[in-house]
């Protein structure tokens, strides 16, 4: 079975992820093929692009990280460095693509799936959609340009979502900026048919509905209260002083993740938000500083082992707690890469 189904009908390009049994996880080959296809369609008579996925469980649950894990074990760090560089290049192309792209994101959309579906011009979600950036759980930082959306989020939601890996429903995702419109799944086939028939992007509005209010929107004030503090330790201290179920659940979500990843993630989002010229490229540059070093110096290998390979959910992080991470370690992971490295710095 082909991992991608690519076709053109009535001047509409259609890319379908076709690994439903693997939650449509992206392989290196899929990333390369999608990029090549989009490059070719730039010069062809293509008016509109649709990106969707087979199966009901997931649009794309992330990148296929087993090869990255194995390359790290073998100390072949260049494989991961090239993988992320090429993936980020695709993310930027999707963000800047001059032709309309409509993504249909059912079920799980996480990590690499966010990079594929959440940077395009028109982003559709439904009642089953669950969007998240849980990279800290495997020793990474929210990447694939996700930090750009997180840094732009209001009420300090970016810090909350990134450090906890919280799964947004459709309403949450639209509110935060990961999606644009809610269309019940029962109308998707009809909508895609109409898009191919008419090549008229405005018909999306004919199918748009109002999603039910999401749980995230009900906690905006409390999230802002905690996550507006100047650093992560202050946030944790204030959460520990609170005795609500929200505080307890948030502490648990943060502290199960890689301490180094969580702290670097917090730094990235704060620096991006403070930037005078926040762009997708600047966000990718910050992310790549970390992922370039992740296999060799981060918690990525242990995180993948615990979550994906052995599935014991009991990672042994390099640092036992956020309070034990030396500031120097954070700075080393996020310092500007050498000029000799092919990277995303402006």
C-alpha atoms as a PDB file:
ATOM      1  CA  UNK A   1       0.000   0.000   0.000  1.00  0.00           C
ATOM      2  CA  UNK A   2       1.313   3.428  -0.935  1.00  0.00           C
ATOM      3  CA  UNK A   3       1.950   5.758   1.982  1.00  0.00           C
ATOM      4  CA  UNK A   4       0.697   8.687  -0.070  1.00  0.00           C
ATOM      5  CA  UNK A   5      -2.057   8.934  -2.645  1.00  0.00           C
ATOM      6  CA  UNK A   6      -1.386  11.876  -4.939  1.00  0.00           C
ATOM      7  CA  UNK A   7      -3.693  12.838  -7.770  1.00  0.00           C
ATOM      8  CA  UNK A   8      -4.965  15.795  -9.772  1.00  0.00           C
ATOM      9  CA  UNK A   9      -8.603  16.255 -10.727  1.00  0.00           C
ATOM     10  CA  UNK A  10     -10.082  19.313 -12.420  1.00  0.00           C
ATOM     11  CA  UNK A  11      -6.956  21.334 -11.626  1.00  0.00           C
ATOM     12  CA  UNK A  12      -7.165  20.452  -7.942  1.00  0.00           C
ATOM     13  CA  UNK A  13      -4.168  18.723  -6.403  1.00  0.00           C
ATOM     14  CA  UNK A  14      -5.056  16.135  -3.785  1.00  0.00           C
ATOM     15  CA  UNK A  15      -2.591  14.617  -1.296  1.00  0.00           C
ATOM     16  CA  UNK A  16      -3.882  11.870   1.004  1.00  0.00           C
ATOM     17  CA  UNK A  17      -1.823  10.395   3.821  1.00  0.00           C
ATOM     18  CA  UNK A  18      -2.395   6.667   3.592  1.00  0.00           C
ATOM     19  CA  UNK A  19      -0.964   4.978   6.673  1.00  0.00           C
ATOM     20  CA  UNK A  20      -4.102   4.676   8.821  1.00  0.00           C
ATOM     21  CA  UNK A  21      -2.740   1.722  10.805  1.00  0.00           C
ATOM     22  CA  UNK A  22       0.224   3.893  11.817  1.00  0.00           C
ATOM     23  CA  UNK A  23      -2.009   6.916  12.532  1.00  0.00           C
ATOM     24  CA  UNK A  24      -0.634   8.368   9.285  1.00  0.00           C
ATOM     25  CA  UNK A  25       2.750   9.075  10.851  1.00  0.00           C
ATOM     26  CA  UNK A  26       5.100  10.868   8.454  1.00  0.00           C
ATOM     27  CA  UNK A  27       8.172   9.044   7.181  1.00  0.00           C
ATOM     28  CA  UNK A  28      11.180  10.836   5.739  1.00  0.00           C
ATOM     29  CA  UNK A  29      10.160   9.612   2.281  1.00  0.00           C
ATOM     30  CA  UNK A  30       6.636  11.003   2.685  1.00  0.00           C
ATOM     31  CA  UNK A  31       7.998  14.413   3.685  1.00  0.00           C
ATOM     32  CA  UNK A  32      10.265  14.470   0.631  1.00  0.00           C
ATOM     33  CA  UNK A  33       7.488  13.353  -1.705  1.00  0.00           C
ATOM     34  CA  UNK A  34       5.024  15.947  -0.425  1.00  0.00           C
ATOM     35  CA  UNK A  35       7.605  18.706  -0.843  1.00  0.00           C
ATOM     36  CA  UNK A  36       8.467  17.594  -4.377  1.00  0.00           C
ATOM     37  CA  UNK A  37       4.787  17.431  -5.300  1.00  0.00           C
ATOM     38  CA  UNK A  38       4.045  20.914  -3.984  1.00  0.00           C
ATOM     39  CA  UNK A  39       7.105  22.282  -5.796  1.00  0.00           C
ATOM     40  CA  UNK A  40       5.921  20.754  -9.076  1.00  0.00           C
ATOM     41  CA  UNK A  41       2.383  22.077  -8.655  1.00  0.00           C
ATOM     42  CA  UNK A  42       3.703  25.629  -8.383  1.00  0.00           C
ATOM     43  CA  UNK A  43       4.413  25.700 -12.111  1.00  0.00           C
ATOM     44  CA  UNK A  44       1.430  23.577 -13.143  1.00  0.00           C
ATOM     45  CA  UNK A  45      -2.186  24.573 -13.720  1.00  0.00           C
ATOM     46  CA  UNK A  46      -3.254  23.801 -10.160  1.00  0.00           C
ATOM     47  CA  UNK A  47      -5.792  26.175  -8.602  1.00  0.00           C
ATOM     48  CA  UNK A  48      -6.282  24.517  -5.229  1.00  0.00           C
ATOM     49  CA  UNK A  49      -4.668  21.832  -3.050  1.00  0.00           C
ATOM     50  CA  UNK A  50      -6.390  19.456  -0.613  1.00  0.00           C
ATOM     51  CA  UNK A  51      -4.441  17.613   2.077  1.00  0.00           C
ATOM     52  CA  UNK A  52      -6.308  14.906   3.971  1.00  0.00           C
ATOM     53  CA  UNK A  53      -5.754  11.446   5.428  1.00  0.00           C
ATOM     54  CA  UNK A  54      -7.192   7.953   5.365  1.00  0.00           C
ATOM     55  CA  UNK A  55      -8.918   6.442   8.401  1.00  0.00           C
ATOM     56  CA  UNK A  56     -10.952   7.865  11.238  1.00  0.00           C
ATOM     57  CA  UNK A  57      -8.416   7.906  14.079  1.00  0.00           C
ATOM     58  CA  UNK A  58      -5.887  10.445  12.873  1.00  0.00           C
ATOM     59  CA  UNK A  59      -4.979  13.030  10.292  1.00  0.00           C
ATOM     60  CA  UNK A  60      -1.356  12.581  11.355  1.00  0.00           C
ATOM     61  CA  UNK A  61      -0.142  11.685  14.826  1.00  0.00           C
ATOM     62  CA  UNK A  62       3.370  12.967  14.131  1.00  0.00           C
ATOM     63  CA  UNK A  63       6.607  11.908  12.526  1.00  0.00           C
ATOM     64  CA  UNK A  64       7.668   8.283  12.312  1.00  0.00           C
ATOM     65  CA  UNK A  65      10.403   8.547  14.932  1.00  0.00           C
ATOM     66  CA  UNK A  66      11.619   4.938  15.074  1.00  0.00           C
ATOM     67  CA  UNK A  67      14.360   5.597  12.504  1.00  0.00           C
ATOM     68  CA  UNK A  68      15.391   8.728  14.397  1.00  0.00           C
ATOM     69  CA  UNK A  69      15.604   6.687  17.584  1.00  0.00           C
ATOM     70  CA  UNK A  70      17.744   4.004  15.953  1.00  0.00           C
ATOM     71  CA  UNK A  71      20.075   6.549  14.382  1.00  0.00           C
ATOM     72  CA  UNK A  72      20.543   8.111  17.812  1.00  0.00           C
ATOM     73  CA  UNK A  73      21.424   4.764  19.360  1.00  0.00           C
ATOM     74  CA  UNK A  74      24.022   4.310  16.638  1.00  0.00           C
ATOM     75  CA  UNK A  75      25.290   7.859  17.229  1.00  0.00           C
ATOM     76  CA  UNK A  76      24.467   8.803  13.646  1.00  0.00           C
ATOM     77  CA  UNK A  77      23.280  12.240  14.681  1.00  0.00           C
ATOM     78  CA  UNK A  78      23.444  13.674  11.166  1.00  0.00           C
ATOM     79  CA  UNK A  79      20.379  11.639  10.160  1.00  0.00           C
ATOM     80  CA  UNK A  80      18.119  13.440  12.616  1.00  0.00           C
ATOM     81  CA  UNK A  81      19.682  16.790  11.816  1.00  0.00           C
ATOM     82  CA  UNK A  82      18.920  16.308   8.119  1.00  0.00           C
ATOM     83  CA  UNK A  83      15.449  14.891   8.807  1.00  0.00           C
ATOM     84  CA  UNK A  84      14.381  17.912  10.835  1.00  0.00           C
ATOM     85  CA  UNK A  85      16.004  20.374   8.442  1.00  0.00           C
ATOM     86  CA  UNK A  86      14.084  18.908   5.498  1.00  0.00           C
ATOM     87  CA  UNK A  87      10.828  18.664   7.448  1.00  0.00           C
ATOM     88  CA  UNK A  88      11.083  22.290   8.558  1.00  0.00           C
ATOM     89  CA  UNK A  89      11.705  23.381   4.976  1.00  0.00           C
ATOM     90  CA  UNK A  90       8.399  21.722   4.026  1.00  0.00           C
ATOM     91  CA  UNK A  91       6.653  23.450   6.942  1.00  0.00           C
ATOM     92  CA  UNK A  92       7.845  26.843   5.747  1.00  0.00           C
ATOM     93  CA  UNK A  93       6.770  26.092   2.165  1.00  0.00           C
ATOM     94  CA  UNK A  94       3.293  25.147   3.361  1.00  0.00           C
ATOM     95  CA  UNK A  95       3.071  28.388   5.340  1.00  0.00           C
ATOM     96  CA  UNK A  96       4.127  30.512   2.341  1.00  0.00           C
ATOM     97  CA  UNK A  97       2.447  28.481  -0.424  1.00  0.00           C
ATOM     98  CA  UNK A  98       0.925  30.933  -2.948  1.00  0.00           C
ATOM     99  CA  UNK A  99      -2.043  28.712  -3.820  1.00  0.00           C
ATOM    100  CA  UNK A 100      -4.901  27.867  -1.443  1.00  0.00           C
ATOM    101  CA  UNK A 101      -4.398  24.673   0.557  1.00  0.00           C
ATOM    102  CA  UNK A 102      -7.230  23.097   2.541  1.00  0.00           C
ATOM    103  CA  UNK A 103      -6.336  20.583   5.245  1.00  0.00           C
ATOM    104  CA  UNK A 104      -8.892  18.230   6.782  1.00  0.00           C
ATOM    105  CA  UNK A 105      -7.736  17.189  10.234  1.00  0.00           C
ATOM    106  CA  UNK A 106      -9.816  14.454  11.843  1.00  0.00           C
ATOM    107  CA  UNK A 107      -8.800  12.599  14.982  1.00  0.00           C
ATOM    108  CA  UNK A 108      -5.256  13.064  16.228  1.00  0.00           C
ATOM    109  CA  UNK A 109      -3.160  15.866  14.748  1.00  0.00           C
ATOM    110  CA  UNK A 110       0.077  16.050  16.689  1.00  0.00           C
ATOM    111  CA  UNK A 111       3.702  17.038  16.188  1.00  0.00           C
ATOM    112  CA  UNK A 112       4.558  16.583  12.536  1.00  0.00           C
ATOM    113  CA  UNK A 113       0.849  16.517  11.735  1.00  0.00           C
ATOM    114  CA  UNK A 114       0.585  20.075  13.048  1.00  0.00           C
ATOM    115  CA  UNK A 115       3.444  21.063  10.749  1.00  0.00           C
ATOM    116  CA  UNK A 116       1.616  19.562   7.787  1.00  0.00           C
ATOM    117  CA  UNK A 117      -1.955  20.626   8.475  1.00  0.00           C
ATOM    118  CA  UNK A 118      -1.867  23.734  10.664  1.00  0.00           C
ATOM    119  CA  UNK A 119       0.235  26.145   8.568  1.00  0.00           C
ATOM    120  CA  UNK A 120      -1.870  26.048   5.401  1.00  0.00           C
ATOM    121  CA  UNK A 121      -4.326  28.722   4.304  1.00  0.00           C
ATOM    122  CA  UNK A 122      -7.575  26.912   5.234  1.00  0.00           C
ATOM    123  CA  UNK A 123      -7.662  24.449   8.141  1.00  0.00           C
ATOM    124  CA  UNK A 124     -10.752  22.314   8.752  1.00  0.00           C
ATOM    125  CA  UNK A 125     -11.524  20.378  11.941  1.00  0.00           C
ATOM    126  CA  UNK A 126     -14.485  18.265  13.070  1.00  0.00           C
ATOM    127  CA  UNK A 127     -16.013  16.689  16.176  1.00  0.00           C
ATOM    128  CA  UNK A 128     -13.247  14.063  16.474  1.00  0.00           C
ATOM    129  CA  UNK A 129     -10.296  16.443  16.108  1.00  0.00           C
ATOM    130  CA  UNK A 130      -7.658  16.391  18.841  1.00  0.00           C
ATOM    131  CA  UNK A 131      -4.710  18.711  18.226  1.00  0.00           C
ATOM    132  CA  UNK A 132      -1.650  18.827  20.449  1.00  0.00           C
ATOM    133  CA  UNK A 133       2.072  19.431  20.635  1.00  0.00           C
ATOM    134  CA  UNK A 134       3.280  16.753  23.100  1.00  0.00           C
ATOM    135  CA  UNK A 135       6.958  16.826  22.109  1.00  0.00           C
ATOM    136  CA  UNK A 136       8.209  17.456  25.650  1.00  0.00           C
ATOM    137  CA  UNK A 137       7.039  13.926  26.502  1.00  0.00           C
ATOM    138  CA  UNK A 138       9.697  12.482  24.179  1.00  0.00           C
ATOM    139  CA  UNK A 139      12.487  14.905  24.981  1.00  0.00           C
ATOM    140  CA  UNK A 140      11.906  17.404  22.180  1.00  0.00           C
ATOM    141  CA  UNK A 141      10.378  20.864  22.025  1.00  0.00           C
ATOM    142  CA  UNK A 142       7.232  21.780  20.081  1.00  0.00           C
ATOM    143  CA  UNK A 143       8.639  22.121  16.594  1.00  0.00           C
ATOM    144  CA  UNK A 144       7.572  22.001  12.906  1.00  0.00           C
ATOM    145  CA  UNK A 145       6.736  25.690  13.311  1.00  0.00           C
ATOM    146  CA  UNK A 146       4.329  24.980  16.164  1.00  0.00           C
ATOM    147  CA  UNK A 147       6.147  27.451  18.378  1.00  0.00           C
ATOM    148  CA  UNK A 148       5.033  30.203  15.977  1.00  0.00           C
ATOM    149  CA  UNK A 149       1.356  29.500  16.698  1.00  0.00           C
ATOM    150  CA  UNK A 150       1.998  28.995  20.405  1.00  0.00           C
ATOM    151  CA  UNK A 151       3.886  32.277  20.735  1.00  0.00           C
ATOM    152  CA  UNK A 152       0.992  34.145  19.107  1.00  0.00           C
ATOM    153  CA  UNK A 153      -1.629  32.588  21.380  1.00  0.00           C
ATOM    154  CA  UNK A 154      -3.414  34.864  23.848  1.00  0.00           C
ATOM    155  CA  UNK A 155      -3.704  34.483  27.629  1.00  0.00           C
ATOM    156  CA  UNK A 156      -0.308  32.717  27.806  1.00  0.00           C
ATOM    157  CA  UNK A 157      -1.970  29.633  26.334  1.00  0.00           C
ATOM    158  CA  UNK A 158       1.212  28.897  24.397  1.00  0.00           C
ATOM    159  CA  UNK A 159       3.196  28.171  27.539  1.00  0.00           C
ATOM    160  CA  UNK A 160       0.389  26.061  28.963  1.00  0.00           C
ATOM    161  CA  UNK A 161      -0.212  23.983  25.835  1.00  0.00           C
ATOM    162  CA  UNK A 162       3.483  23.445  25.117  1.00  0.00           C
ATOM    163  CA  UNK A 163       4.581  22.404  28.596  1.00  0.00           C
ATOM    164  CA  UNK A 164       1.584  20.161  29.327  1.00  0.00           C
ATOM    165  CA  UNK A 165       0.898  18.689  25.874  1.00  0.00           C
ATOM    166  CA  UNK A 166      -2.815  19.399  26.384  1.00  0.00           C
ATOM    167  CA  UNK A 167      -5.064  18.020  23.619  1.00  0.00           C
ATOM    168  CA  UNK A 168      -7.296  20.675  22.104  1.00  0.00           C
ATOM    169  CA  UNK A 169     -10.719  19.904  20.703  1.00  0.00           C
ATOM    170  CA  UNK A 170     -12.064  21.728  17.641  1.00  0.00           C
ATOM    171  CA  UNK A 171     -13.225  24.839  19.464  1.00  0.00           C
ATOM    172  CA  UNK A 172      -9.961  25.058  21.414  1.00  0.00           C
ATOM    173  CA  UNK A 173      -7.875  24.665  18.258  1.00  0.00           C
ATOM    174  CA  UNK A 174      -9.754  27.424  16.448  1.00  0.00           C
ATOM    175  CA  UNK A 175      -9.517  29.737  19.445  1.00  0.00           C
ATOM    176  CA  UNK A 176      -5.764  29.238  19.845  1.00  0.00           C
ATOM    177  CA  UNK A 177      -4.971  29.511  16.123  1.00  0.00           C
ATOM    178  CA  UNK A 178      -4.307  25.922  15.034  1.00  0.00           C
ATOM    179  CA  UNK A 179      -7.457  25.707  12.888  1.00  0.00           C
ATOM    180  CA  UNK A 180      -9.911  27.973  11.061  1.00  0.00           C
ATOM    181  CA  UNK A 181     -13.314  26.381  10.754  1.00  0.00           C
ATOM    182  CA  UNK A 182     -15.426  23.562  12.099  1.00  0.00           C
ATOM    183  CA  UNK A 183     -17.248  21.310   9.642  1.00  0.00           C
ATOM    184  CA  UNK A 184     -18.985  18.155  10.948  1.00  0.00           C
ATOM    185  CA  UNK A 185     -17.312  15.072   9.524  1.00  0.00           C
ATOM    186  CA  UNK A 186     -20.514  13.905   7.828  1.00  0.00           C
ATOM    187  CA  UNK A 187     -20.152  16.769   5.331  1.00  0.00           C
ATOM    188  CA  UNK A 188     -16.488  16.285   4.480  1.00  0.00           C
ATOM    189  CA  UNK A 189     -16.929  14.037   1.445  1.00  0.00           C
ATOM    190  CA  UNK A 190     -19.522  16.390  -0.021  1.00  0.00           C
ATOM    191  CA  UNK A 191     -17.338  19.411   0.701  1.00  0.00           C
ATOM    192  CA  UNK A 192     -14.275  17.898  -0.960  1.00  0.00           C
ATOM    193  CA  UNK A 193     -16.359  16.960  -3.995  1.00  0.00           C
ATOM    194  CA  UNK A 194     -17.624  20.533  -4.260  1.00  0.00           C
ATOM    195  CA  UNK A 195     -14.113  21.949  -3.895  1.00  0.00           C
ATOM    196  CA  UNK A 196     -12.866  19.754  -6.726  1.00  0.00           C
ATOM    197  CA  UNK A 197     -15.890  20.572  -8.875  1.00  0.00           C
ATOM    198  CA  UNK A 198     -15.913  24.343  -8.382  1.00  0.00           C
ATOM    199  CA  UNK A 199     -12.343  25.149  -7.331  1.00  0.00           C
ATOM    200  CA  UNK A 200     -14.026  27.882  -5.276  1.00  0.00           C
ATOM    201  CA  UNK A 201     -12.510  28.219  -1.826  1.00  0.00           C
ATOM    202  CA  UNK A 202     -15.390  30.385  -0.641  1.00  0.00           C
ATOM    203  CA  UNK A 203     -17.763  27.407  -0.489  1.00  0.00           C
ATOM    204  CA  UNK A 204     -16.053  26.442   2.766  1.00  0.00           C
ATOM    205  CA  UNK A 205     -18.285  29.027   4.414  1.00  0.00           C
ATOM    206  CA  UNK A 206     -21.384  27.130   3.266  1.00  0.00           C
ATOM    207  CA  UNK A 207     -20.344  24.155   5.389  1.00  0.00           C
ATOM    208  CA  UNK A 208     -18.983  26.023   8.389  1.00  0.00           C
ATOM    209  CA  UNK A 209     -20.711  25.372  11.704  1.00  0.00           C
ATOM    210  CA  UNK A 210     -20.193  26.547  15.288  1.00  0.00           C
ATOM    211  CA  UNK A 211     -18.450  23.928  17.448  1.00  0.00           C
ATOM    212  CA  UNK A 212     -19.414  23.278  21.031  1.00  0.00           C
ATOM    213  CA  UNK A 213     -17.541  25.397  23.532  1.00  0.00           C
ATOM    214  CA  UNK A 214     -14.244  23.725  24.438  1.00  0.00           C
ATOM    215  CA  UNK A 215     -12.916  23.208  27.970  1.00  0.00           C
ATOM    216  CA  UNK A 216      -9.866  25.363  27.326  1.00  0.00           C
ATOM    217  CA  UNK A 217     -11.975  28.461  26.812  1.00  0.00           C
ATOM    218  CA  UNK A 218     -13.510  27.994  30.255  1.00  0.00           C
ATOM    219  CA  UNK A 219     -10.066  28.171  31.919  1.00  0.00           C
ATOM    220  CA  UNK A 220      -8.574  31.217  30.192  1.00  0.00           C
ATOM    221  CA  UNK A 221      -8.387  33.364  33.300  1.00  0.00           C
ATOM    222  CA  UNK A 222      -6.882  30.686  35.516  1.00  0.00           C
ATOM    223  CA  UNK A 223      -4.335  29.723  32.836  1.00  0.00           C
ATOM    224  CA  UNK A 224      -3.305  33.342  32.425  1.00  0.00           C
ATOM    225  CA  UNK A 225      -3.017  33.757  36.187  1.00  0.00           C
ATOM    226  CA  UNK A 226      -0.535  30.890  36.509  1.00  0.00           C
ATOM    227  CA  UNK A 227       1.338  31.035  33.210  1.00  0.00           C
ATOM    228  CA  UNK A 228       1.868  34.783  33.025  1.00  0.00           C
ATOM    229  CA  UNK A 229       4.539  34.513  35.705  1.00  0.00           C
ATOM    230  CA  UNK A 230       8.121  35.275  34.754  1.00  0.00           C
ATOM    231  CA  UNK A 231       9.539  31.736  34.749  1.00  0.00           C
ATOM    232  CA  UNK A 232       8.525  28.116  34.981  1.00  0.00           C
ATOM    233  CA  UNK A 233       9.623  27.648  38.584  1.00  0.00           C
ATOM    234  CA  UNK A 234       7.362  30.488  39.680  1.00  0.00           C
ATOM    235  CA  UNK A 235       4.533  28.869  37.747  1.00  0.00           C
ATOM    236  CA  UNK A 236       5.103  25.538  39.454  1.00  0.00           C
ATOM    237  CA  UNK A 237       5.352  27.140  42.889  1.00  0.00           C
ATOM    238  CA  UNK A 238       2.036  28.914  42.383  1.00  0.00           C
ATOM    239  CA  UNK A 239       0.424  25.696  41.138  1.00  0.00           C
ATOM    240  CA  UNK A 240       1.675  23.817  44.199  1.00  0.00           C
ATOM    241  CA  UNK A 241       0.151  26.470  46.430  1.00  0.00           C
ATOM    242  CA  UNK A 242      -3.200  25.918  44.770  1.00  0.00           C
ATOM    243  CA  UNK A 243      -5.368  22.952  45.723  1.00  0.00           C
ATOM    244  CA  UNK A 244      -7.679  22.775  42.727  1.00  0.00           C
ATOM    245  CA  UNK A 245      -7.975  19.819  40.368  1.00  0.00           C
ATOM    246  CA  UNK A 246      -6.731  22.071  37.546  1.00  0.00           C
ATOM    247  CA  UNK A 247      -3.517  22.835  39.429  1.00  0.00           C
ATOM    248  CA  UNK A 248      -2.898  19.209  40.354  1.00  0.00           C
ATOM    249  CA  UNK A 249      -3.492  17.971  36.817  1.00  0.00           C
ATOM    250  CA  UNK A 250      -1.290  20.692  35.348  1.00  0.00           C
ATOM    251  CA  UNK A 251       1.590  19.874  37.706  1.00  0.00           C
ATOM    252  CA  UNK A 252       1.322  16.203  36.795  1.00  0.00           C
ATOM    253  CA  UNK A 253       1.312  16.982  33.074  1.00  0.00           C
ATOM    254  CA  UNK A 254       4.380  19.236  33.281  1.00  0.00           C
ATOM    255  CA  UNK A 255       6.448  17.049  35.601  1.00  0.00           C
ATOM    256  CA  UNK A 256       6.054  13.850  33.611  1.00  0.00           C
ATOM    257  CA  UNK A 257       7.828  15.521  30.673  1.00  0.00           C
ATOM    258  CA  UNK A 258      11.547  15.990  30.106  1.00  0.00           C
ATOM    259  CA  UNK A 259      12.709  18.788  32.445  1.00  0.00           C
ATOM    260  CA  UNK A 260      15.227  20.036  29.884  1.00  0.00           C
ATOM    261  CA  UNK A 261      12.630  20.050  27.116  1.00  0.00           C
ATOM    262  CA  UNK A 262      10.042  21.866  29.206  1.00  0.00           C
ATOM    263  CA  UNK A 263      12.461  24.602  30.225  1.00  0.00           C
ATOM    264  CA  UNK A 264      13.792  25.083  26.695  1.00  0.00           C
ATOM    265  CA  UNK A 265      10.233  25.143  25.370  1.00  0.00           C
ATOM    266  CA  UNK A 266       9.283  27.882  27.816  1.00  0.00           C
ATOM    267  CA  UNK A 267      12.336  29.913  26.787  1.00  0.00           C
ATOM    268  CA  UNK A 268      11.586  29.537  23.083  1.00  0.00           C
ATOM    269  CA  UNK A 269       7.995  30.713  23.388  1.00  0.00           C
ATOM    270  CA  UNK A 270       8.879  33.677  25.582  1.00  0.00           C
ATOM    271  CA  UNK A 271      11.699  34.787  23.267  1.00  0.00           C
ATOM    272  CA  UNK A 272       9.541  34.474  20.186  1.00  0.00           C
ATOM    273  CA  UNK A 273       6.670  36.416  21.718  1.00  0.00           C
ATOM    274  CA  UNK A 274       9.040  39.187  22.722  1.00  0.00           C
ATOM    275  CA  UNK A 275      10.437  39.397  19.196  1.00  0.00           C
ATOM    276  CA  UNK A 276       9.681  42.493  17.122  1.00  0.00           C
ATOM    277  CA  UNK A 277       9.473  40.404  13.949  1.00  0.00           C
ATOM    278  CA  UNK A 278       7.890  37.069  14.816  1.00  0.00           C
ATOM    279  CA  UNK A 279       7.947  34.891  11.702  1.00  0.00           C
ATOM    280  CA  UNK A 280       7.640  31.214  10.876  1.00  0.00           C
ATOM    281  CA  UNK A 281      11.311  31.200   9.878  1.00  0.00           C
ATOM    282  CA  UNK A 282      12.465  32.654  13.172  1.00  0.00           C
ATOM    283  CA  UNK A 283      10.368  30.060  14.995  1.00  0.00           C
ATOM    284  CA  UNK A 284      11.857  27.209  12.963  1.00  0.00           C
ATOM    285  CA  UNK A 285      15.321  28.580  13.659  1.00  0.00           C
ATOM    286  CA  UNK A 286      14.795  28.459  17.419  1.00  0.00           C
ATOM    287  CA  UNK A 287      13.308  24.977  17.193  1.00  0.00           C
ATOM    288  CA  UNK A 288      16.170  23.710  15.071  1.00  0.00           C
ATOM    289  CA  UNK A 289      18.757  24.902  17.557  1.00  0.00           C
ATOM    290  CA  UNK A 290      17.268  22.364  19.949  1.00  0.00           C
ATOM    291  CA  UNK A 291      16.433  19.489  17.587  1.00  0.00           C
ATOM    292  CA  UNK A 292      19.868  19.716  15.954  1.00  0.00           C
ATOM    293  CA  UNK A 293      21.326  18.800  19.370  1.00  0.00           C
ATOM    294  CA  UNK A 294      18.465  16.620  20.619  1.00  0.00           C
ATOM    295  CA  UNK A 295      19.848  13.192  19.716  1.00  0.00           C
ATOM    296  CA  UNK A 296      23.284  13.857  21.164  1.00  0.00           C
ATOM    297  CA  UNK A 297      22.600  16.048  24.180  1.00  0.00           C
ATOM    298  CA  UNK A 298      18.877  15.931  24.918  1.00  0.00           C
ATOM    299  CA  UNK A 299      16.412  13.410  26.310  1.00  0.00           C
ATOM    300  CA  UNK A 300      15.022  12.347  22.940  1.00  0.00           C
ATOM    301  CA  UNK A 301      16.393   8.800  22.848  1.00  0.00           C
ATOM    302  CA  UNK A 302      15.164   8.022  26.360  1.00  0.00           C
ATOM    303  CA  UNK A 303      11.825   9.669  25.711  1.00  0.00           C
ATOM    304  CA  UNK A 304      11.155   7.624  22.595  1.00  0.00           C
ATOM    305  CA  UNK A 305      12.279   4.460  24.348  1.00  0.00           C
ATOM    306  CA  UNK A 306       9.832   5.003  27.193  1.00  0.00           C
ATOM    307  CA  UNK A 307       6.875   6.165  25.105  1.00  0.00           C
ATOM    308  CA  UNK A 308       7.227   4.290  21.816  1.00  0.00           C
ATOM    309  CA  UNK A 309       9.742   1.440  21.943  1.00  0.00           C
ATOM    310  CA  UNK A 310       9.381  -0.208  25.365  1.00  0.00           C
ATOM    311  CA  UNK A 311       6.182   1.694  26.235  1.00  0.00           C
ATOM    312  CA  UNK A 312       6.890   1.485  29.959  1.00  0.00           C
ATOM    313  CA  UNK A 313       5.999   5.199  30.327  1.00  0.00           C
ATOM    314  CA  UNK A 314       8.813   5.487  32.830  1.00  0.00           C
ATOM    315  CA  UNK A 315      11.556   7.632  31.282  1.00  0.00           C
ATOM    316  CA  UNK A 316      14.807   8.218  33.130  1.00  0.00           C
ATOM    317  CA  UNK A 317      15.482  11.838  32.231  1.00  0.00           C
ATOM    318  CA  UNK A 318      18.966  13.345  32.458  1.00  0.00           C
ATOM    319  CA  UNK A 319      17.642  15.643  35.172  1.00  0.00           C
ATOM    320  CA  UNK A 320      15.220  14.350  37.790  1.00  0.00           C
ATOM    321  CA  UNK A 321      13.269  17.605  38.076  1.00  0.00           C
ATOM    322  CA  UNK A 322      12.959  21.026  36.531  1.00  0.00           C
ATOM    323  CA  UNK A 323      14.692  22.487  39.584  1.00  0.00           C
ATOM    324  CA  UNK A 324      17.772  20.339  38.877  1.00  0.00           C
ATOM    325  CA  UNK A 325      18.455  21.608  35.343  1.00  0.00           C
ATOM    326  CA  UNK A 326      21.459  23.973  35.209  1.00  0.00           C
ATOM    327  CA  UNK A 327      20.733  27.181  33.329  1.00  0.00           C
ATOM    328  CA  UNK A 328      23.890  26.559  31.300  1.00  0.00           C
ATOM    329  CA  UNK A 329      22.342  23.377  29.840  1.00  0.00           C
ATOM    330  CA  UNK A 330      19.367  25.348  28.560  1.00  0.00           C
ATOM    331  CA  UNK A 331      21.586  27.996  27.039  1.00  0.00           C
ATOM    332  CA  UNK A 332      23.750  25.384  25.307  1.00  0.00           C
ATOM    333  CA  UNK A 333      20.720  23.700  23.731  1.00  0.00           C
ATOM    334  CA  UNK A 334      19.392  27.010  22.418  1.00  0.00           C
ATOM    335  CA  UNK A 335      22.530  28.872  21.431  1.00  0.00           C
ATOM    336  CA  UNK A 336      22.913  29.919  17.806  1.00  0.00           C
ATOM    337  CA  UNK A 337      24.281  27.113  15.652  1.00  0.00           C
ATOM    338  CA  UNK A 338      27.706  27.575  14.013  1.00  0.00           C
ATOM    339  CA  UNK A 339      27.741  29.281  10.624  1.00  0.00           C
ATOM    340  CA  UNK A 340      29.082  26.062   9.145  1.00  0.00           C
ATOM    341  CA  UNK A 341      25.785  24.335   9.951  1.00  0.00           C
ATOM    342  CA  UNK A 342      23.002  24.476   7.380  1.00  0.00           C
ATOM    343  CA  UNK A 343      20.245  25.974   9.523  1.00  0.00           C
ATOM    344  CA  UNK A 344      17.268  28.302   9.738  1.00  0.00           C
ATOM    345  CA  UNK A 345      18.893  31.418  11.124  1.00  0.00           C
ATOM    346  CA  UNK A 346      18.072  34.560   9.143  1.00  0.00           C
END
